[in-house]
Amino acid sequence: MFNTVVQELPDLSKPECIQAVLGIGCIAVFAKSLDPHSYQDNGLTPTDQELTLQHRNKVLFAEVMQHIAHQGRRRGDEDRYEIFKDALLHFSKAVLCYSAHLHQPNFMIAETVPTQKLKTFLCLDIKQFWGHDLEIELESFFNGELGIQSGDGVLIDHFLHCL
């Protein structure tokens, strides 16, 4: 459908370039979840042009993933695509942790999306892009580990440090 021109990719031999590609890919995959308009009840819906652009960005990221996967894999990974699964899960978990942190009583900010609703959107985005397996892992995190964070020991600090 779309062909990624390899010459336009950053130097994938550099870890910081791969991190940049993964970050941009996560933004493409979770575009709907990250768009504040997605949560408004006033009937604003994306235009056909916006939907086409979101789809195109996901397709381009999938092509870049294939290109990177054909280059090799991370040491210790059996699956060449494991790095992408990890990045998508890590990114979505960091967003959930940040949301949960913002909703703590001592840090409440007006007009934020409830974490439960955000989780629903993130799960839908990850399922549509990767499939049911990653959705289950994200749900499990939401129902387990996420509830553990409190006070100074928030998971968001861990996730942001690792990004």
N, C-alpha and C. Protein backbone atom coordinates (compact mmCIF):
# COMPACT_ATOMS: atom_id res chain seq x y z
N MET A 1 0.83 -1.18 0.00
CA MET A 1 0.00 0.00 0.00
C MET A 1 0.88 1.25 0.00
N PHE A 2 1.60 1.50 1.06
CA PHE A 2 2.56 2.60 1.13
C PHE A 2 3.93 1.96 1.21
N ASN A 3 4.86 2.51 0.52
CA ASN A 3 6.21 1.97 0.59
C ASN A 3 7.12 2.97 1.28
N THR A 4 7.72 2.53 2.36
CA THR A 4 8.64 3.37 3.11
C THR A 4 9.96 3.41 2.36
N VAL A 5 10.45 4.59 2.13
CA VAL A 5 11.75 4.75 1.48
C VAL A 5 12.80 4.61 2.57
N VAL A 6 13.61 3.55 2.48
CA VAL A 6 14.59 3.24 3.50
C VAL A 6 15.57 4.39 3.71
N GLN A 7 15.89 5.12 2.65
CA GLN A 7 16.83 6.23 2.77
C GLN A 7 16.28 7.32 3.69
N GLU A 8 14.97 7.38 3.87
CA GLU A 8 14.36 8.41 4.71
C GLU A 8 14.33 8.03 6.19
N LEU A 9 14.71 6.80 6.51
CA LEU A 9 14.73 6.37 7.90
C LEU A 9 16.00 6.87 8.58
N PRO A 10 15.91 7.11 9.90
CA PRO A 10 17.13 7.48 10.62
C PRO A 10 18.11 6.31 10.63
N ASP A 11 19.31 6.56 11.07
CA ASP A 11 20.35 5.54 11.15
C ASP A 11 19.98 4.53 12.23
N LEU A 12 19.47 3.38 11.82
CA LEU A 12 18.96 2.39 12.76
C LEU A 12 20.06 1.60 13.46
N SER A 13 21.30 1.92 13.19
CA SER A 13 22.39 1.29 13.94
C SER A 13 22.60 2.01 15.27
N LYS A 14 21.96 3.16 15.44
CA LYS A 14 22.09 3.95 16.67
C LYS A 14 20.88 3.72 17.56
N PRO A 15 21.10 3.34 18.82
CA PRO A 15 19.97 3.09 19.73
C PRO A 15 19.02 4.28 19.87
N GLU A 16 19.55 5.49 19.88
CA GLU A 16 18.68 6.66 20.04
C GLU A 16 17.75 6.83 18.84
N CYS A 17 18.19 6.41 17.66
CA CYS A 17 17.35 6.50 16.47
C CYS A 17 16.23 5.44 16.53
N ILE A 18 16.58 4.26 16.99
CA ILE A 18 15.55 3.22 17.15
C ILE A 18 14.54 3.67 18.19
N GLN A 19 15.00 4.27 19.29
CA GLN A 19 14.09 4.77 20.31
C GLN A 19 13.16 5.83 19.74
N ALA A 20 13.68 6.70 18.90
CA ALA A 20 12.85 7.74 18.28
C ALA A 20 11.79 7.11 17.38
N VAL A 21 12.19 6.13 16.59
CA VAL A 21 11.24 5.43 15.70
C VAL A 21 10.17 4.73 16.53
N LEU A 22 10.56 4.08 17.61
CA LEU A 22 9.59 3.40 18.48
C LEU A 22 8.63 4.41 19.11
N GLY A 23 9.14 5.54 19.57
CA GLY A 23 8.29 6.55 20.17
C GLY A 23 7.28 7.12 19.19
N ILE A 24 7.75 7.43 17.99
CA ILE A 24 6.84 7.95 16.96
C ILE A 24 5.82 6.88 16.58
N GLY A 25 6.27 5.63 16.50
CA GLY A 25 5.35 4.54 16.19
C GLY A 25 4.27 4.39 17.25
N CYS A 26 4.65 4.53 18.51
CA CYS A 26 3.66 4.44 19.59
C CYS A 26 2.64 5.57 19.49
N ILE A 27 3.10 6.75 19.14
CA ILE A 27 2.18 7.87 18.97
C ILE A 27 1.22 7.59 17.82
N ALA A 28 1.72 7.00 16.74
CA ALA A 28 0.86 6.65 15.61
C ALA A 28 -0.18 5.61 16.01
N VAL A 29 0.25 4.58 16.74
CA VAL A 29 -0.66 3.50 17.15
C VAL A 29 -1.72 4.02 18.12
N PHE A 30 -1.32 4.89 19.04
CA PHE A 30 -2.24 5.36 20.07
C PHE A 30 -2.80 6.75 19.78
N ALA A 31 -2.82 7.16 18.51
CA ALA A 31 -3.28 8.50 18.14
C ALA A 31 -4.68 8.78 18.65
N LYS A 32 -5.58 7.83 18.54
CA LYS A 32 -6.96 8.06 18.99
C LYS A 32 -6.99 8.22 20.51
N SER A 33 -6.27 7.39 21.22
CA SER A 33 -6.24 7.47 22.69
C SER A 33 -5.64 8.78 23.17
N LEU A 34 -4.67 9.31 22.43
CA LEU A 34 -3.98 10.52 22.84
C LEU A 34 -4.70 11.80 22.40
N ASP A 35 -5.68 11.66 21.53
CA ASP A 35 -6.41 12.82 21.02
C ASP A 35 -7.55 13.21 21.98
N PRO A 36 -7.49 14.39 22.58
CA PRO A 36 -8.54 14.79 23.53
C PRO A 36 -9.93 14.82 22.90
N HIS A 37 -10.00 15.04 21.59
CA HIS A 37 -11.31 15.06 20.93
C HIS A 37 -12.02 13.70 20.99
N SER A 38 -11.25 12.64 21.15
CA SER A 38 -11.84 11.29 21.22
C SER A 38 -12.77 11.13 22.41
N TYR A 39 -12.56 11.94 23.43
CA TYR A 39 -13.29 11.78 24.69
C TYR A 39 -14.43 12.78 24.86
N GLN A 40 -14.61 13.64 23.90
CA GLN A 40 -15.65 14.66 24.01
C GLN A 40 -16.99 14.08 23.56
N ASP A 41 -18.02 14.48 24.29
CA ASP A 41 -19.36 13.98 24.00
C ASP A 41 -20.13 14.87 23.03
N ASN A 42 -19.49 15.91 22.51
CA ASN A 42 -20.20 16.86 21.67
C ASN A 42 -20.31 16.42 20.21
N GLY A 43 -19.95 15.21 19.93
CA GLY A 43 -20.14 14.67 18.59
C GLY A 43 -19.02 14.98 17.60
N LEU A 44 -17.93 15.61 18.05
CA LEU A 44 -16.81 15.84 17.14
C LEU A 44 -16.22 14.51 16.71
N THR A 45 -16.18 14.30 15.44
CA THR A 45 -15.58 13.07 14.92
C THR A 45 -14.47 13.46 13.95
N PRO A 46 -13.46 12.62 13.84
CA PRO A 46 -12.37 12.93 12.91
C PRO A 46 -12.89 12.98 11.47
N THR A 47 -12.29 13.83 10.69
CA THR A 47 -12.64 13.91 9.27
C THR A 47 -12.10 12.68 8.55
N ASP A 48 -12.58 12.46 7.35
CA ASP A 48 -12.05 11.35 6.55
C ASP A 48 -10.56 11.52 6.31
N GLN A 49 -10.12 12.75 6.13
CA GLN A 49 -8.70 13.02 5.92
C GLN A 49 -7.89 12.66 7.16
N GLU A 50 -8.40 13.00 8.35
CA GLU A 50 -7.70 12.67 9.59
C GLU A 50 -7.65 11.15 9.78
N LEU A 51 -8.75 10.46 9.51
CA LEU A 51 -8.78 9.00 9.64
C LEU A 51 -7.81 8.35 8.67
N THR A 52 -7.75 8.87 7.45
CA THR A 52 -6.82 8.34 6.46
C THR A 52 -5.38 8.55 6.91
N LEU A 53 -5.09 9.71 7.45
CA LEU A 53 -3.74 10.00 7.93
C LEU A 53 -3.37 9.09 9.10
N GLN A 54 -4.31 8.87 10.04
CA GLN A 54 -4.04 7.96 11.16
C GLN A 54 -3.75 6.56 10.64
N HIS A 55 -4.55 6.09 9.70
CA HIS A 55 -4.34 4.76 9.14
C HIS A 55 -2.99 4.69 8.41
N ARG A 56 -2.69 5.71 7.63
CA ARG A 56 -1.44 5.74 6.88
C ARG A 56 -0.24 5.69 7.84
N ASN A 57 -0.32 6.43 8.92
CA ASN A 57 0.78 6.43 9.88
C ASN A 57 0.99 5.05 10.50
N LYS A 58 -0.09 4.34 10.79
CA LYS A 58 0.02 2.99 11.34
C LYS A 58 0.63 2.03 10.32
N VAL A 59 0.20 2.17 9.07
CA VAL A 59 0.75 1.31 8.01
C VAL A 59 2.24 1.59 7.82
N LEU A 60 2.61 2.86 7.83
CA LEU A 60 4.03 3.20 7.69
C LEU A 60 4.84 2.65 8.86
N PHE A 61 4.29 2.74 10.07
CA PHE A 61 5.01 2.18 11.21
C PHE A 61 5.16 0.67 11.06
N ALA A 62 4.13 -0.01 10.57
CA ALA A 62 4.22 -1.46 10.35
C ALA A 62 5.31 -1.78 9.32
N GLU A 63 5.42 -0.95 8.29
CA GLU A 63 6.47 -1.17 7.29
C GLU A 63 7.85 -0.96 7.90
N VAL A 64 7.98 0.08 8.72
CA VAL A 64 9.27 0.33 9.39
C VAL A 64 9.59 -0.82 10.33
N MET A 65 8.58 -1.33 11.03
CA MET A 65 8.78 -2.49 11.91
C MET A 65 9.34 -3.67 11.12
N GLN A 66 8.74 -3.93 9.97
CA GLN A 66 9.21 -5.05 9.14
C GLN A 66 10.66 -4.82 8.72
N HIS A 67 10.97 -3.60 8.33
CA HIS A 67 12.34 -3.29 7.91
C HIS A 67 13.32 -3.54 9.06
N ILE A 68 12.99 -3.04 10.24
CA ILE A 68 13.86 -3.22 11.40
C ILE A 68 13.95 -4.69 11.78
N ALA A 69 12.82 -5.39 11.76
CA ALA A 69 12.80 -6.81 12.13
C ALA A 69 13.67 -7.64 11.18
N HIS A 70 13.73 -7.27 9.92
CA HIS A 70 14.56 -8.01 8.97
C HIS A 70 16.05 -7.74 9.19
N GLN A 71 16.37 -6.67 9.91
CA GLN A 71 17.76 -6.34 10.23
C GLN A 71 18.32 -7.26 11.32
N GLY A 72 17.41 -7.80 12.12
CA GLY A 72 17.84 -8.65 13.23
C GLY A 72 16.89 -8.51 14.40
N ARG A 73 17.35 -8.91 15.56
CA ARG A 73 16.52 -8.85 16.76
C ARG A 73 17.37 -8.45 17.94
N ARG A 74 16.68 -8.06 19.01
CA ARG A 74 17.40 -7.74 20.24
C ARG A 74 18.01 -9.00 20.80
N ARG A 75 19.15 -8.84 21.44
CA ARG A 75 19.80 -9.96 22.09
C ARG A 75 18.83 -10.56 23.11
N GLY A 76 18.62 -11.84 23.05
CA GLY A 76 17.75 -12.53 24.00
C GLY A 76 16.32 -12.71 23.51
N ASP A 77 15.92 -12.00 22.47
CA ASP A 77 14.55 -12.13 21.94
C ASP A 77 14.50 -13.26 20.92
N GLU A 78 13.49 -14.11 21.05
CA GLU A 78 13.27 -15.13 20.03
C GLU A 78 12.48 -14.55 18.86
N ASP A 79 11.56 -13.66 19.18
CA ASP A 79 10.68 -13.05 18.18
C ASP A 79 11.28 -11.72 17.72
N ARG A 80 11.46 -11.56 16.43
CA ARG A 80 12.03 -10.32 15.89
C ARG A 80 11.17 -9.10 16.18
N TYR A 81 9.92 -9.32 16.50
CA TYR A 81 8.99 -8.21 16.74
C TYR A 81 8.79 -7.92 18.23
N GLU A 82 9.51 -8.62 19.07
CA GLU A 82 9.36 -8.45 20.53
C GLU A 82 9.64 -7.01 20.98
N ILE A 83 10.61 -6.37 20.37
CA ILE A 83 10.94 -5.00 20.73
C ILE A 83 9.75 -4.06 20.51
N PHE A 84 8.98 -4.33 19.48
CA PHE A 84 7.82 -3.48 19.17
C PHE A 84 6.67 -3.75 20.14
N LYS A 85 6.46 -5.01 20.46
CA LYS A 85 5.45 -5.37 21.45
C LYS A 85 5.78 -4.70 22.78
N ASP A 86 7.05 -4.81 23.19
CA ASP A 86 7.49 -4.22 24.44
C ASP A 86 7.29 -2.70 24.44
N ALA A 87 7.64 -2.06 23.33
CA ALA A 87 7.51 -0.60 23.24
C ALA A 87 6.05 -0.17 23.36
N LEU A 88 5.16 -0.87 22.66
CA LEU A 88 3.74 -0.52 22.71
C LEU A 88 3.17 -0.72 24.11
N LEU A 89 3.52 -1.82 24.74
CA LEU A 89 3.05 -2.06 26.11
C LEU A 89 3.64 -1.05 27.08
N HIS A 90 4.91 -0.80 26.96
CA HIS A 90 5.59 0.13 27.87
C HIS A 90 4.97 1.53 27.74
N PHE A 91 4.76 1.97 26.53
CA PHE A 91 4.19 3.29 26.28
C PHE A 91 2.78 3.38 26.87
N SER A 92 1.96 2.39 26.60
CA SER A 92 0.58 2.43 27.09
C SER A 92 0.53 2.33 28.62
N LYS A 93 1.42 1.56 29.21
CA LYS A 93 1.48 1.48 30.67
C LYS A 93 1.92 2.81 31.26
N ALA A 94 2.87 3.47 30.63
CA ALA A 94 3.33 4.77 31.12
C ALA A 94 2.20 5.79 31.07
N VAL A 95 1.41 5.77 30.00
CA VAL A 95 0.28 6.69 29.89
C VAL A 95 -0.74 6.40 30.99
N LEU A 96 -1.02 5.13 31.25
CA LEU A 96 -1.97 4.78 32.32
C LEU A 96 -1.44 5.19 33.69
N CYS A 97 -0.16 4.97 33.93
CA CYS A 97 0.43 5.37 35.21
C CYS A 97 0.34 6.88 35.41
N TYR A 98 0.61 7.60 34.35
CA TYR A 98 0.53 9.06 34.43
C TYR A 98 -0.90 9.50 34.73
N SER A 99 -1.85 8.89 34.06
CA SER A 99 -3.25 9.21 34.30
C SER A 99 -3.65 8.90 35.74
N ALA A 100 -3.27 7.72 36.22
CA ALA A 100 -3.60 7.35 37.60
C ALA A 100 -2.95 8.33 38.58
N HIS A 101 -1.74 8.74 38.29
CA HIS A 101 -1.04 9.70 39.15
C HIS A 101 -1.80 11.04 39.18
N LEU A 102 -2.26 11.48 38.01
CA LEU A 102 -3.00 12.75 37.94
C LEU A 102 -4.33 12.69 38.69
N HIS A 103 -4.86 11.50 38.86
CA HIS A 103 -6.16 11.36 39.51
C HIS A 103 -6.05 11.07 41.00
N GLN A 104 -4.84 11.12 41.56
CA GLN A 104 -4.70 10.96 43.00
C GLN A 104 -5.29 12.19 43.68
N PRO A 105 -5.89 12.02 44.85
CA PRO A 105 -6.58 13.13 45.52
C PRO A 105 -5.72 14.38 45.71
N ASN A 106 -4.45 14.23 46.00
CA ASN A 106 -3.60 15.39 46.25
C ASN A 106 -3.06 16.03 44.97
N PHE A 107 -3.42 15.48 43.82
CA PHE A 107 -2.85 15.96 42.56
C PHE A 107 -3.92 16.07 41.48
N MET A 108 -5.15 16.24 41.88
CA MET A 108 -6.27 16.25 40.94
C MET A 108 -6.21 17.46 40.02
N ILE A 109 -6.31 17.22 38.74
CA ILE A 109 -6.32 18.28 37.74
C ILE A 109 -7.68 18.23 37.05
N ALA A 110 -8.27 19.38 36.88
CA ALA A 110 -9.58 19.45 36.23
C ALA A 110 -9.49 19.00 34.77
N GLU A 111 -10.58 18.50 34.27
CA GLU A 111 -10.74 18.14 32.87
C GLU A 111 -9.76 17.08 32.37
N THR A 112 -9.51 16.09 33.17
CA THR A 112 -8.71 14.96 32.70
C THR A 112 -9.65 13.79 32.43
N VAL A 113 -9.24 12.96 31.51
CA VAL A 113 -10.03 11.78 31.16
C VAL A 113 -9.89 10.76 32.28
N PRO A 114 -10.99 10.16 32.73
CA PRO A 114 -10.86 9.11 33.75
C PRO A 114 -9.94 7.99 33.26
N THR A 115 -9.13 7.48 34.15
CA THR A 115 -8.14 6.45 33.78
C THR A 115 -8.82 5.22 33.20
N GLN A 116 -9.97 4.84 33.72
CA GLN A 116 -10.71 3.68 33.19
C GLN A 116 -11.07 3.89 31.72
N LYS A 117 -11.54 5.08 31.39
CA LYS A 117 -11.92 5.38 30.00
C LYS A 117 -10.68 5.40 29.10
N LEU A 118 -9.60 5.99 29.60
CA LEU A 118 -8.34 6.01 28.86
C LEU A 118 -7.87 4.59 28.60
N LYS A 119 -7.96 3.74 29.60
CA LYS A 119 -7.56 2.33 29.45
C LYS A 119 -8.37 1.65 28.35
N THR A 120 -9.66 1.94 28.29
CA THR A 120 -10.51 1.35 27.26
C THR A 120 -10.03 1.75 25.87
N PHE A 121 -9.70 3.03 25.70
CA PHE A 121 -9.21 3.50 24.41
C PHE A 121 -7.85 2.91 24.07
N LEU A 122 -6.95 2.87 25.05
CA LEU A 122 -5.62 2.29 24.81
C LEU A 122 -5.74 0.82 24.43
N CYS A 123 -6.59 0.10 25.13
CA CYS A 123 -6.78 -1.33 24.82
C CYS A 123 -7.33 -1.51 23.40
N LEU A 124 -8.26 -0.66 23.01
CA LEU A 124 -8.81 -0.75 21.66
C LEU A 124 -7.74 -0.47 20.61
N ASP A 125 -6.94 0.58 20.84
CA ASP A 125 -5.87 0.90 19.89
C ASP A 125 -4.85 -0.24 19.78
N ILE A 126 -4.43 -0.78 20.92
CA ILE A 126 -3.41 -1.83 20.89
C ILE A 126 -3.96 -3.11 20.28
N LYS A 127 -5.23 -3.39 20.54
CA LYS A 127 -5.86 -4.58 19.96
C LYS A 127 -5.99 -4.44 18.44
N GLN A 128 -6.40 -3.26 17.99
CA GLN A 128 -6.56 -3.05 16.55
C GLN A 128 -5.23 -3.14 15.81
N PHE A 129 -4.16 -2.70 16.47
CA PHE A 129 -2.87 -2.72 15.79
C PHE A 129 -2.17 -4.06 15.92
N TRP A 130 -2.19 -4.66 17.11
CA TRP A 130 -1.39 -5.86 17.34
C TRP A 130 -2.21 -7.11 17.56
N GLY A 131 -3.37 -6.98 18.15
CA GLY A 131 -4.17 -8.16 18.42
C GLY A 131 -4.51 -8.30 19.89
N HIS A 132 -5.22 -9.35 20.17
CA HIS A 132 -5.80 -9.57 21.50
C HIS A 132 -4.75 -9.81 22.59
N ASP A 133 -3.61 -10.40 22.24
CA ASP A 133 -2.59 -10.73 23.25
C ASP A 133 -2.11 -9.51 24.03
N LEU A 134 -1.78 -8.44 23.32
CA LEU A 134 -1.29 -7.25 24.02
C LEU A 134 -2.41 -6.55 24.79
N GLU A 135 -3.62 -6.64 24.27
CA GLU A 135 -4.76 -6.08 24.99
C GLU A 135 -4.92 -6.77 26.34
N ILE A 136 -4.79 -8.08 26.35
CA ILE A 136 -4.91 -8.85 27.60
C ILE A 136 -3.82 -8.44 28.59
N GLU A 137 -2.59 -8.27 28.08
CA GLU A 137 -1.49 -7.86 28.97
C GLU A 137 -1.74 -6.47 29.56
N LEU A 138 -2.26 -5.56 28.75
CA LEU A 138 -2.54 -4.21 29.24
C LEU A 138 -3.68 -4.22 30.26
N GLU A 139 -4.71 -5.00 30.00
CA GLU A 139 -5.83 -5.16 30.95
C GLU A 139 -5.31 -5.72 32.28
N SER A 140 -4.47 -6.71 32.19
CA SER A 140 -3.90 -7.34 33.38
C SER A 140 -3.11 -6.33 34.20
N PHE A 141 -2.31 -5.52 33.53
CA PHE A 141 -1.55 -4.47 34.21
C PHE A 141 -2.50 -3.49 34.90
N PHE A 142 -3.54 -3.10 34.19
CA PHE A 142 -4.50 -2.13 34.73
C PHE A 142 -5.19 -2.69 35.98
N ASN A 143 -5.55 -3.96 35.92
CA ASN A 143 -6.27 -4.59 37.04
C ASN A 143 -5.36 -5.03 38.18
N GLY A 144 -4.06 -5.01 37.96
CA GLY A 144 -3.12 -5.48 38.99
C GLY A 144 -2.14 -4.42 39.42
N GLU A 145 -1.02 -4.38 38.72
CA GLU A 145 0.10 -3.52 39.09
C GLU A 145 -0.25 -2.04 39.22
N LEU A 146 -1.09 -1.55 38.34
CA LEU A 146 -1.41 -0.12 38.35
C LEU A 146 -2.02 0.32 39.68
N GLY A 147 -2.83 -0.54 40.28
CA GLY A 147 -3.48 -0.20 41.54
C GLY A 147 -2.52 -0.14 42.72
N ILE A 148 -1.31 -0.62 42.56
CA ILE A 148 -0.34 -0.67 43.64
C ILE A 148 0.31 0.70 43.89
N GLN A 149 0.38 1.52 42.84
CA GLN A 149 1.10 2.79 43.01
C GLN A 149 0.38 3.71 43.99
N SER A 150 1.17 4.35 44.83
CA SER A 150 0.63 5.30 45.79
C SER A 150 1.75 6.18 46.33
N GLY A 151 1.40 7.36 46.70
CA GLY A 151 2.36 8.27 47.31
C GLY A 151 3.59 8.50 46.47
N ASP A 152 4.76 8.36 47.10
CA ASP A 152 6.01 8.62 46.40
C ASP A 152 6.44 7.45 45.51
N GLY A 153 5.89 6.27 45.72
CA GLY A 153 6.30 5.10 44.96
C GLY A 153 5.45 4.90 43.73
N VAL A 154 5.37 5.90 42.86
CA VAL A 154 4.52 5.79 41.68
C VAL A 154 5.26 5.12 40.54
N LEU A 155 4.55 4.29 39.82
CA LEU A 155 5.13 3.57 38.69
C LEU A 155 5.50 4.50 37.54
N ILE A 156 4.83 5.64 37.45
CA ILE A 156 5.12 6.54 36.34
C ILE A 156 6.59 6.93 36.33
N ASP A 157 7.17 7.13 37.51
CA ASP A 157 8.59 7.48 37.57
C ASP A 157 9.45 6.39 36.95
N HIS A 158 9.10 5.14 37.22
CA HIS A 158 9.83 4.00 36.65
C HIS A 158 9.68 3.99 35.13
N PHE A 159 8.45 4.13 34.65
CA PHE A 159 8.21 4.03 33.22
C PHE A 159 8.84 5.19 32.46
N LEU A 160 8.74 6.40 32.99
CA LEU A 160 9.33 7.54 32.28
C LEU A 160 10.85 7.45 32.28
N HIS A 161 11.42 6.92 33.35
CA HIS A 161 12.87 6.75 33.41
C HIS A 161 13.36 5.77 32.35
N CYS A 162 12.55 4.75 32.08
CA CYS A 162 12.94 3.72 31.12
C CYS A 162 12.76 4.16 29.67
N LEU A 163 11.97 5.19 29.43
CA LEU A 163 11.71 5.61 28.04
C LEU A 163 12.89 6.23 27.38
